[in-house]
Protein backbone atom coordinates (compact mmCIF):
# COMPACT_ATOMS: atom_id res chain seq x y z
CA MET A 1 -25.00 19.13 -9.85
CA TYR A 2 -22.03 17.17 -11.09
CA THR A 3 -20.58 18.01 -14.49
CA SER A 4 -18.16 15.80 -16.38
CA ASN A 5 -14.62 17.02 -17.01
CA ASP A 6 -12.61 14.85 -19.38
CA HIS A 7 -9.43 16.87 -18.82
CA MET A 8 -8.89 15.87 -15.19
CA ARG A 9 -7.26 12.71 -13.90
CA LEU A 10 -9.07 10.92 -11.10
CA ALA A 11 -6.06 9.09 -9.74
CA ARG A 12 -2.51 8.10 -10.49
CA ALA A 13 -0.97 4.84 -9.32
CA TYR A 14 2.54 4.66 -7.91
CA VAL A 15 3.96 1.15 -7.85
CA PRO A 16 7.64 1.00 -6.89
CA PHE A 17 9.87 -1.86 -7.96
CA GLN A 18 10.16 -4.28 -5.09
CA ILE A 19 12.84 -6.79 -4.24
CA PHE A 20 11.54 -9.40 -1.84
CA SER A 21 14.56 -10.51 0.14
CA LYS A 22 12.98 -11.64 3.41
CA ARG A 23 9.71 -13.27 4.43
CA TRP A 24 7.92 -13.44 7.74
CA GLU A 25 6.46 -16.64 9.11
CA PRO A 26 2.86 -17.30 7.99
CA MET A 27 1.28 -16.43 11.37
CA GLU A 28 3.16 -13.13 11.64
CA GLY A 29 2.25 -12.33 8.04
CA LEU A 30 -1.40 -13.06 8.77
CA LEU A 31 -1.35 -10.62 11.68
CA LYS A 32 0.42 -7.91 9.67
CA GLY A 33 -1.42 -8.42 6.37
CA THR A 34 1.67 -9.38 4.34
CA ILE A 35 4.52 -11.85 4.56
CA PHE A 36 6.92 -9.37 2.97
CA PRO A 37 8.54 -6.85 5.37
CA GLU A 38 9.19 -4.50 2.43
CA LEU A 39 5.42 -4.08 1.97
CA TYR A 40 4.55 -3.56 5.64
CA PHE A 41 3.49 0.02 6.34
CA PRO A 42 1.26 0.08 9.43
CA TYR A 43 -1.27 2.87 9.82
CA ARG A 44 -0.30 5.24 12.62
CA LYS A 45 -3.19 7.30 13.87
CA ASP A 46 -1.03 9.86 15.72
CA LYS A 47 1.23 10.61 12.72
CA ARG A 48 0.20 13.44 10.39
């Protein structure tokens, strides 16, 4: 079964500083999930 280990980290967040210089139009942002091009990282199934 599962045993607790208080010495291990479950996750670590990485949040880079972001400068929002451009914005997409609302409809394009809705399709891409963000209005900020700097935050747009589409999932590519073929890339490993």
